[in-house]
């Protein structure tokens, strides 16, 4: 496979990563309790509790990786695979990929004890004209999850 430019290679790799990620998450969802499983993985503006928990855990991982990069006196925005996007330093995105499976493993274990009653539902704006229901862990479960993740890291 030959590429015309670095950008072409990066785009092709991101496309391949996206396809594998979709298949990967289908398999991860099979490990979660059936009644709580979402239809699929949603990263931005997820309205189900499972995806919101994954998003929270990945955000914590991102900040842990970001901090380690700074402590190593490296530049967080000088990555090699992810493109530069506002608010998403590419080196942080590149390196957190190496540790995502650890977060997912701990979340799969965490999910075995989570029940529907552990969530609260809030009505939020989905757009200027529409409102929707969004699921979150209740405060007690959120504290427990944060404790588990902090101990893990």
Foldseek 3Di string as FASTA:
>chain_A
DDDPDLVRVLVVVVVVVVVVVFVVQVVLLVLFPPVQRDPGADAPPDQGAVNVVLNVLLVVLLVVLVVVCVVVVHDQQDARRDHGDVPHRRNSVVVSVVVSVVSSVVVSVVRVPDDPVQWDWDWADPDPPDIDIGIYGPPVVVVVVVVVSVVVD
